Amino acid sequence: RALDGVSLTVEAGEIHALVGENGAGKSTLIKILGG
């Protein structure tokens, strides 16, 4: 289960860092954002 109920928002002009260990789900989240 790569992602489990993830919620976040990004505001205009905001730099929003996404961090976590390898395997935390960052790459899966990015691929969902990119379609």
PDB file of all heavy atoms in Angstrom:
ATOM      1  N   ARG A   1       0.876  -1.176   0.000  1.00  0.00           N
ATOM      2  CA  ARG A   1       0.000   0.000   0.000  1.00  0.00           C
ATOM      3  C   ARG A   1       0.910   1.221   0.000  1.00  0.00           C
ATOM      4  O   ARG A   1       1.411   1.657   1.036  1.00  0.00           O
ATOM      5  CB  ARG A   1      -0.928  -0.016   1.213  1.00  0.00           C
ATOM      6  CG  ARG A   1      -2.048   1.026   1.118  1.00  0.00           C
ATOM      7  CD  ARG A   1      -3.146   0.741   2.115  1.00  0.00           C
ATOM      8  NE  ARG A   1      -4.242   1.698   2.054  1.00  0.00           N
ATOM      9  CZ  ARG A   1      -5.229   1.667   1.159  1.00  0.00           C
ATOM     10  NH1 ARG A   1      -5.250   0.721   0.239  1.00  0.00           N
ATOM     11  NH2 ARG A   1      -6.198   2.573   1.197  1.00  0.00           N
ATOM     12  N   ALA A   2       1.138   1.773  -1.190  1.00  0.00           N
ATOM     13  CA  ALA A   2       2.130   2.834  -1.347  1.00  0.00           C
ATOM     14  C   ALA A   2       1.671   4.148  -0.729  1.00  0.00           C
ATOM     15  O   ALA A   2       2.485   4.892  -0.159  1.00  0.00           O
ATOM     16  CB  ALA A   2       2.446   3.036  -2.833  1.00  0.00           C
ATOM     17  N   LEU A   3       0.386   4.470  -0.844  1.00  0.00           N
ATOM     18  CA  LEU A   3      -0.179   5.681  -0.251  1.00  0.00           C
ATOM     19  C   LEU A   3      -1.468   5.318   0.464  1.00  0.00           C
ATOM     20  O   LEU A   3      -2.270   4.531  -0.043  1.00  0.00           O
ATOM     21  CB  LEU A   3      -0.462   6.744  -1.317  1.00  0.00           C
ATOM     22  CG  LEU A   3       0.735   7.344  -2.062  1.00  0.00           C
ATOM     23  CD1 LEU A   3       0.245   8.295  -3.146  1.00  0.00           C
ATOM     24  CD2 LEU A   3       1.680   8.057  -1.107  1.00  0.00           C
ATOM     25  N   ASP A   4      -1.663   5.918   1.636  1.00  0.00           N
ATOM     26  CA  ASP A   4      -2.832   5.568   2.452  1.00  0.00           C
ATOM     27  C   ASP A   4      -3.460   6.841   3.013  1.00  0.00           C
ATOM     28  O   ASP A   4      -3.042   7.364   4.042  1.00  0.00           O
ATOM     29  CB  ASP A   4      -2.390   4.635   3.577  1.00  0.00           C
ATOM     30  CG  ASP A   4      -3.569   4.069   4.366  1.00  0.00           C
ATOM     31  OD1 ASP A   4      -4.717   4.377   4.018  1.00  0.00           O
ATOM     32  OD2 ASP A   4      -3.322   3.331   5.337  1.00  0.00           O
ATOM     33  N   GLY A   5      -4.449   7.375   2.281  1.00  0.00           N
ATOM     34  CA  GLY A   5      -5.188   8.532   2.762  1.00  0.00           C
ATOM     35  C   GLY A   5      -4.373   9.804   2.870  1.00  0.00           C
ATOM     36  O   GLY A   5      -4.474  10.532   3.855  1.00  0.00           O
ATOM     37  N   VAL A   6      -3.590  10.101   1.839  1.00  0.00           N
ATOM     38  CA  VAL A   6      -2.714  11.276   1.873  1.00  0.00           C
ATOM     39  C   VAL A   6      -3.486  12.525   1.452  1.00  0.00           C
ATOM     40  O   VAL A   6      -4.150  12.544   0.410  1.00  0.00           O
ATOM     41  CB  VAL A   6      -1.492  11.076   0.948  1.00  0.00           C
ATOM     42  CG1 VAL A   6      -0.700  12.368   0.800  1.00  0.00           C
ATOM     43  CG2 VAL A   6      -0.607   9.962   1.493  1.00  0.00           C
ATOM     44  N   SER A   7      -3.352  13.570   2.258  1.00  0.00           N
ATOM     45  CA  SER A   7      -3.945  14.872   1.935  1.00  0.00           C
ATOM     46  C   SER A   7      -2.897  15.958   2.096  1.00  0.00           C
ATOM     47  O   SER A   7      -2.101  15.930   3.048  1.00  0.00           O
ATOM     48  CB  SER A   7      -5.133  15.179   2.851  1.00  0.00           C
ATOM     49  OG  SER A   7      -6.164  14.229   2.698  1.00  0.00           O
ATOM     50  N   LEU A   8      -2.866  16.891   1.151  1.00  0.00           N
ATOM     51  CA  LEU A   8      -2.002  18.075   1.285  1.00  0.00           C
ATOM     52  C   LEU A   8      -2.482  19.134   0.315  1.00  0.00           C
ATOM     53  O   LEU A   8      -3.185  18.843  -0.658  1.00  0.00           O
ATOM     54  CB  LEU A   8      -0.526  17.737   1.054  1.00  0.00           C
ATOM     55  CG  LEU A   8      -0.054  17.241  -0.315  1.00  0.00           C
ATOM     56  CD1 LEU A   8       0.233  18.402  -1.265  1.00  0.00           C
ATOM     57  CD2 LEU A   8       1.215  16.420  -0.173  1.00  0.00           C
ATOM     58  N   THR A   9      -2.101  20.370   0.589  1.00  0.00           N
ATOM     59  CA  THR A   9      -2.438  21.485  -0.295  1.00  0.00           C
ATOM     60  C   THR A   9      -1.182  22.273  -0.616  1.00  0.00           C
ATOM     61  O   THR A   9      -0.218  22.292   0.163  1.00  0.00           O
ATOM     62  CB  THR A   9      -3.463  22.429   0.342  1.00  0.00           C
ATOM     63  OG1 THR A   9      -2.915  22.963   1.565  1.00  0.00           O
ATOM     64  CG2 THR A   9      -4.775  21.708   0.634  1.00  0.00           C
ATOM     65  N   VAL A  10      -1.198  22.917  -1.784  1.00  0.00           N
ATOM     66  CA  VAL A  10      -0.103  23.799  -2.200  1.00  0.00           C
ATOM     67  C   VAL A  10      -0.718  25.135  -2.580  1.00  0.00           C
ATOM     68  O   VAL A  10      -1.614  25.209  -3.429  1.00  0.00           O
ATOM     69  CB  VAL A  10       0.677  23.215  -3.395  1.00  0.00           C
ATOM     70  CG1 VAL A  10       1.789  24.173  -3.817  1.00  0.00           C
ATOM     71  CG2 VAL A  10       1.259  21.846  -3.051  1.00  0.00           C
ATOM     72  N   GLU A  11      -0.246  26.187  -1.928  1.00  0.00           N
ATOM     73  CA  GLU A  11      -0.760  27.531  -2.172  1.00  0.00           C
ATOM     74  C   GLU A  11       0.015  28.214  -3.292  1.00  0.00           C
ATOM     75  O   GLU A  11       1.150  27.850  -3.606  1.00  0.00           O
ATOM     76  CB  GLU A  11      -0.652  28.376  -0.895  1.00  0.00           C
ATOM     77  CG  GLU A  11      -1.293  27.761   0.325  1.00  0.00           C
ATOM     78  CD  GLU A  11      -2.801  27.619   0.181  1.00  0.00           C
ATOM     79  OE1 GLU A  11      -3.429  28.568  -0.341  1.00  0.00           O
ATOM     80  OE2 GLU A  11      -3.335  26.564   0.561  1.00  0.00           O
ATOM     81  N   ALA A  12      -0.577  29.223  -3.886  1.00  0.00           N
ATOM     82  CA  ALA A  12       0.104  30.028  -4.892  1.00  0.00           C
ATOM     83  C   ALA A  12       1.322  30.700  -4.252  1.00  0.00           C
ATOM     84  O   ALA A  12       1.219  31.297  -3.182  1.00  0.00           O
ATOM     85  CB  ALA A  12      -0.847  31.075  -5.460  1.00  0.00           C
ATOM     86  N   GLY A  13       2.467  30.581  -4.897  1.00  0.00           N
ATOM     87  CA  GLY A  13       3.681  31.203  -4.386  1.00  0.00           C
ATOM     88  C   GLY A  13       4.329  30.469  -3.227  1.00  0.00           C
ATOM     89  O   GLY A  13       5.286  30.974  -2.629  1.00  0.00           O
ATOM     90  N   GLU A  14       3.843  29.279  -2.892  1.00  0.00           N
ATOM     91  CA  GLU A  14       4.384  28.525  -1.764  1.00  0.00           C
ATOM     92  C   GLU A  14       5.407  27.497  -2.243  1.00  0.00           C
ATOM     93  O   GLU A  14       5.216  26.856  -3.284  1.00  0.00           O
ATOM     94  CB  GLU A  14       3.249  27.800  -1.036  1.00  0.00           C
ATOM     95  CG  GLU A  14       3.738  26.941   0.134  1.00  0.00           C
ATOM     96  CD  GLU A  14       2.627  26.108   0.755  1.00  0.00           C
ATOM     97  OE1 GLU A  14       1.783  25.579   0.003  1.00  0.00           O
ATOM     98  OE2 GLU A  14       2.605  26.002   1.988  1.00  0.00           O
ATOM     99  N   ILE A  15       6.476  27.343  -1.484  1.00  0.00           N
ATOM    100  CA  ILE A  15       7.415  26.240  -1.698  1.00  0.00           C
ATOM    101  C   ILE A  15       7.108  25.196  -0.636  1.00  0.00           C
ATOM    102  O   ILE A  15       7.343  25.403   0.555  1.00  0.00           O
ATOM    103  CB  ILE A  15       8.876  26.709  -1.604  1.00  0.00           C
ATOM    104  CG1 ILE A  15       9.152  27.794  -2.654  1.00  0.00           C
ATOM    105  CG2 ILE A  15       9.822  25.521  -1.800  1.00  0.00           C
ATOM    106  CD1 ILE A  15      10.545  28.394  -2.561  1.00  0.00           C
ATOM    107  N   HIS A  16       6.564  24.075  -1.071  1.00  0.00           N
ATOM    108  CA  HIS A  16       6.077  23.029  -0.175  1.00  0.00           C
ATOM    109  C   HIS A  16       7.004  21.828  -0.314  1.00  0.00           C
ATOM    110  O   HIS A  16       7.029  21.162  -1.355  1.00  0.00           O
ATOM    111  CB  HIS A  16       4.644  22.650  -0.558  1.00  0.00           C
ATOM    112  CG  HIS A  16       3.934  21.836   0.474  1.00  0.00           C
ATOM    113  ND1 HIS A  16       2.644  22.094   0.874  1.00  0.00           N
ATOM    114  CD2 HIS A  16       4.320  20.770   1.205  1.00  0.00           C
ATOM    115  CE1 HIS A  16       2.278  21.223   1.786  1.00  0.00           C
ATOM    116  NE2 HIS A  16       3.283  20.391   2.006  1.00  0.00           N
ATOM    117  N   ALA A  17       7.792  21.563   0.712  1.00  0.00           N
ATOM    118  CA  ALA A  17       8.737  20.443   0.675  1.00  0.00           C
ATOM    119  C   ALA A  17       8.019  19.147   1.018  1.00  0.00           C
ATOM    120  O   ALA A  17       7.201  19.099   1.942  1.00  0.00           O
ATOM    121  CB  ALA A  17       9.888  20.680   1.644  1.00  0.00           C
ATOM    122  N   LEU A  18       8.344  18.101   0.269  1.00  0.00           N
ATOM    123  CA  LEU A  18       7.819  16.762   0.523  1.00  0.00           C
ATOM    124  C   LEU A  18       9.007  15.866   0.850  1.00  0.00           C
ATOM    125  O   LEU A  18       9.894  15.672   0.007  1.00  0.00           O
ATOM    126  CB  LEU A  18       7.078  16.238  -0.708  1.00  0.00           C
ATOM    127  CG  LEU A  18       6.430  14.862  -0.606  1.00  0.00           C
ATOM    128  CD1 LEU A  18       5.309  14.875   0.429  1.00  0.00           C
ATOM    129  CD2 LEU A  18       5.890  14.439  -1.975  1.00  0.00           C
ATOM    130  N   VAL A  19       9.061  15.355   2.079  1.00  0.00           N
ATOM    131  CA  VAL A  19      10.216  14.575   2.508  1.00  0.00           C
ATOM    132  C   VAL A  19       9.772  13.236   3.089  1.00  0.00           C
ATOM    133  O   VAL A  19       8.623  13.050   3.477  1.00  0.00           O
ATOM    134  CB  VAL A  19      11.068  15.338   3.547  1.00  0.00           C
ATOM    135  CG1 VAL A  19      11.580  16.652   2.979  1.00  0.00           C
ATOM    136  CG2 VAL A  19      10.274  15.585   4.824  1.00  0.00           C
ATOM    137  N   GLY A  20      10.707  12.336   3.166  1.00  0.00           N
ATOM    138  CA  GLY A  20      10.451  11.006   3.704  1.00  0.00           C
ATOM    139  C   GLY A  20      11.556  10.069   3.274  1.00  0.00           C
ATOM    140  O   GLY A  20      12.299  10.348   2.327  1.00  0.00           O
ATOM    141  N   GLU A  21      11.680   8.950   3.975  1.00  0.00           N
ATOM    142  CA  GLU A  21      12.685   7.974   3.606  1.00  0.00           C
ATOM    143  C   GLU A  21      12.344   7.329   2.274  1.00  0.00           C
ATOM    144  O   GLU A  21      11.225   7.424   1.780  1.00  0.00           O
ATOM    145  CB  GLU A  21      12.794   6.891   4.686  1.00  0.00           C
ATOM    146  CG  GLU A  21      13.311   7.399   6.026  1.00  0.00           C
ATOM    147  CD  GLU A  21      13.592   6.253   6.977  1.00  0.00           C
ATOM    148  OE1 GLU A  21      12.649   5.790   7.644  1.00  0.00           O
ATOM    149  OE2 GLU A  21      14.748   5.818   7.053  1.00  0.00           O
ATOM    150  N   ASN A  22      13.332   6.638   1.678  1.00  0.00           N
ATOM    151  CA  ASN A  22      13.042   5.860   0.480  1.00  0.00           C
ATOM    152  C   ASN A  22      11.962   4.837   0.797  1.00  0.00           C
ATOM    153  O   ASN A  22      12.004   4.176   1.831  1.00  0.00           O
ATOM    154  CB  ASN A  22      14.311   5.137   0.002  1.00  0.00           C
ATOM    155  CG  ASN A  22      15.322   6.103  -0.595  1.00  0.00           C
ATOM    156  OD1 ASN A  22      14.960   7.111  -1.175  1.00  0.00           O
ATOM    157  ND2 ASN A  22      16.599   5.803  -0.436  1.00  0.00           N
ATOM    158  N   GLY A  23      10.982   4.739  -0.092  1.00  0.00           N
ATOM    159  CA  GLY A  23       9.876   3.822   0.142  1.00  0.00           C
ATOM    160  C   GLY A  23       8.725   4.434   0.909  1.00  0.00           C
ATOM    161  O   GLY A  23       7.722   3.753   1.187  1.00  0.00           O
ATOM    162  N   ALA A  24       8.828   5.726   1.247  1.00  0.00           N
ATOM    163  CA  ALA A  24       7.762   6.373   2.023  1.00  0.00           C
ATOM    164  C   ALA A  24       6.528   6.667   1.181  1.00  0.00           C
ATOM    165  O   ALA A  24       5.445   6.890   1.723  1.00  0.00           O
ATOM    166  CB  ALA A  24       8.282   7.670   2.648  1.00  0.00           C
ATOM    167  N   GLY A  25       6.694   6.701  -0.161  1.00  0.00           N
ATOM    168  CA  GLY A  25       5.557   6.978  -1.030  1.00  0.00           C
ATOM    169  C   GLY A  25       5.692   8.245  -1.850  1.00  0.00           C
ATOM    170  O   GLY A  25       4.773   8.607  -2.594  1.00  0.00           O
ATOM    171  N   LYS A  26       6.842   8.927  -1.765  1.00  0.00           N
ATOM    172  CA  LYS A  26       7.020  10.203  -2.468  1.00  0.00           C
ATOM    173  C   LYS A  26       6.907  10.034  -3.980  1.00  0.00           C
ATOM    174  O   LYS A  26       6.214  10.812  -4.645  1.00  0.00           O
ATOM    175  CB  LYS A  26       8.373  10.813  -2.111  1.00  0.00           C
ATOM    176  CG  LYS A  26       8.593  11.059  -0.630  1.00  0.00           C
ATOM    177  CD  LYS A  26       9.867  11.824  -0.376  1.00  0.00           C
ATOM    178  CE  LYS A  26      11.114  11.135  -0.906  1.00  0.00           C
ATOM    179  NZ  LYS A  26      11.399   9.844  -0.244  1.00  0.00           N
ATOM    180  N   SER A  27       7.594   9.040  -4.522  1.00  0.00           N
ATOM    181  CA  SER A  27       7.569   8.848  -5.982  1.00  0.00           C
ATOM    182  C   SER A  27       6.174   8.517  -6.481  1.00  0.00           C
ATOM    183  O   SER A  27       5.740   9.007  -7.533  1.00  0.00           O
ATOM    184  CB  SER A  27       8.555   7.752  -6.381  1.00  0.00           C
ATOM    185  OG  SER A  27       9.887   8.147  -6.117  1.00  0.00           O
ATOM    186  N   THR A  28       5.445   7.686  -5.736  1.00  0.00           N
ATOM    187  CA  THR A  28       4.077   7.355  -6.127  1.00  0.00           C
ATOM    188  C   THR A  28       3.205   8.607  -6.130  1.00  0.00           C
ATOM    189  O   THR A  28       2.404   8.826  -7.058  1.00  0.00           O
ATOM    190  CB  THR A  28       3.487   6.306  -5.166  1.00  0.00           C
ATOM    191  OG1 THR A  28       4.297   5.128  -5.195  1.00  0.00           O
ATOM    192  CG2 THR A  28       2.069   5.947  -5.554  1.00  0.00           C
ATOM    193  N   LEU A  29       3.369   9.444  -5.120  1.00  0.00           N
ATOM    194  CA  LEU A  29       2.581  10.671  -5.041  1.00  0.00           C
ATOM    195  C   LEU A  29       2.897  11.595  -6.220  1.00  0.00           C
ATOM    196  O   LEU A  29       1.988  12.181  -6.834  1.00  0.00           O
ATOM    197  CB  LEU A  29       2.865  11.379  -3.715  1.00  0.00           C
ATOM    198  CG  LEU A  29       2.066  12.653  -3.436  1.00  0.00           C
ATOM    199  CD1 LEU A  29       0.576  12.371  -3.486  1.00  0.00           C
ATOM    200  CD2 LEU A  29       2.448  13.238  -2.094  1.00  0.00           C
ATOM    201  N   ILE A  30       4.174  11.713  -6.561  1.00  0.00           N
ATOM    202  CA  ILE A  30       4.556  12.574  -7.684  1.00  0.00           C
ATOM    203  C   ILE A  30       3.957  12.056  -8.982  1.00  0.00           C
ATOM    204  O   ILE A  30       3.469  12.821  -9.825  1.00  0.00           O
ATOM    205  CB  ILE A  30       6.093  12.650  -7.793  1.00  0.00           C
ATOM    206  CG1 ILE A  30       6.684  13.375  -6.586  1.00  0.00           C
ATOM    207  CG2 ILE A  30       6.505  13.388  -9.068  1.00  0.00           C
ATOM    208  CD1 ILE A  30       8.196  13.309  -6.519  1.00  0.00           C
ATOM    209  N   LYS A  31       3.968  10.732  -9.165  1.00  0.00           N
ATOM    210  CA  LYS A  31       3.422  10.159 -10.398  1.00  0.00           C
ATOM    211  C   LYS A  31       1.909  10.348 -10.478  1.00  0.00           C
ATOM    212  O   LYS A  31       1.358  10.504 -11.575  1.00  0.00           O
ATOM    213  CB  LYS A  31       3.802   8.687 -10.487  1.00  0.00           C
ATOM    214  CG  LYS A  31       5.291   8.493 -10.791  1.00  0.00           C
ATOM    215  CD  LYS A  31       5.705   7.038 -10.750  1.00  0.00           C
ATOM    216  CE  LYS A  31       7.202   6.918 -11.023  1.00  0.00           C
ATOM    217  NZ  LYS A  31       7.682   5.513 -10.897  1.00  0.00           N
ATOM    218  N   ILE A  32       1.242  10.370  -9.352  1.00  0.00           N
ATOM    219  CA  ILE A  32      -0.192  10.680  -9.352  1.00  0.00           C
ATOM    220  C   ILE A  32      -0.396  12.151  -9.726  1.00  0.00           C
ATOM    221  O   ILE A  32      -1.274  12.481 -10.536  1.00  0.00           O
ATOM    222  CB  ILE A  32      -0.809  10.355  -7.979  1.00  0.00           C
ATOM    223  CG1 ILE A  32      -0.929   8.824  -7.812  1.00  0.00           C
ATOM    224  CG2 ILE A  32      -2.178  11.004  -7.832  1.00  0.00           C
ATOM    225  CD1 ILE A  32      -1.385   8.387  -6.444  1.00  0.00           C
ATOM    226  N   LEU A  33       0.416  13.037  -9.170  1.00  0.00           N
ATOM    227  CA  LEU A  33       0.317  14.452  -9.519  1.00  0.00           C
ATOM    228  C   LEU A  33       0.541  14.675 -11.003  1.00  0.00           C
ATOM    229  O   LEU A  33      -0.113  15.514 -11.632  1.00  0.00           O
ATOM    230  CB  LEU A  33       1.341  15.268  -8.717  1.00  0.00           C
ATOM    231  CG  LEU A  33       1.074  15.481  -7.233  1.00  0.00           C
ATOM    232  CD1 LEU A  33       2.213  16.251  -6.592  1.00  0.00           C
ATOM    233  CD2 LEU A  33      -0.237  16.223  -7.038  1.00  0.00           C
ATOM    234  N   GLY A  34       1.489  13.930 -11.575  1.00  0.00           N
ATOM    235  CA  GLY A  34       1.815  14.105 -12.985  1.00  0.00           C
ATOM    236  C   GLY A  34       0.920  13.345 -13.934  1.00  0.00           C
ATOM    237  O   GLY A  34       1.070  13.452 -15.158  1.00  0.00           O
ATOM    238  N   GLY A  35      -0.018  12.554 -13.412  1.00  0.00           N
ATOM    239  CA  GLY A  35      -0.950  11.833 -14.263  1.00  0.00           C
ATOM    240  C   GLY A  35      -0.480  10.470 -14.718  1.00  0.00           C
ATOM    241  O   GLY A  35      -1.177   9.783 -15.470  1.00  0.00           O
TER     242      GLY A  35
END
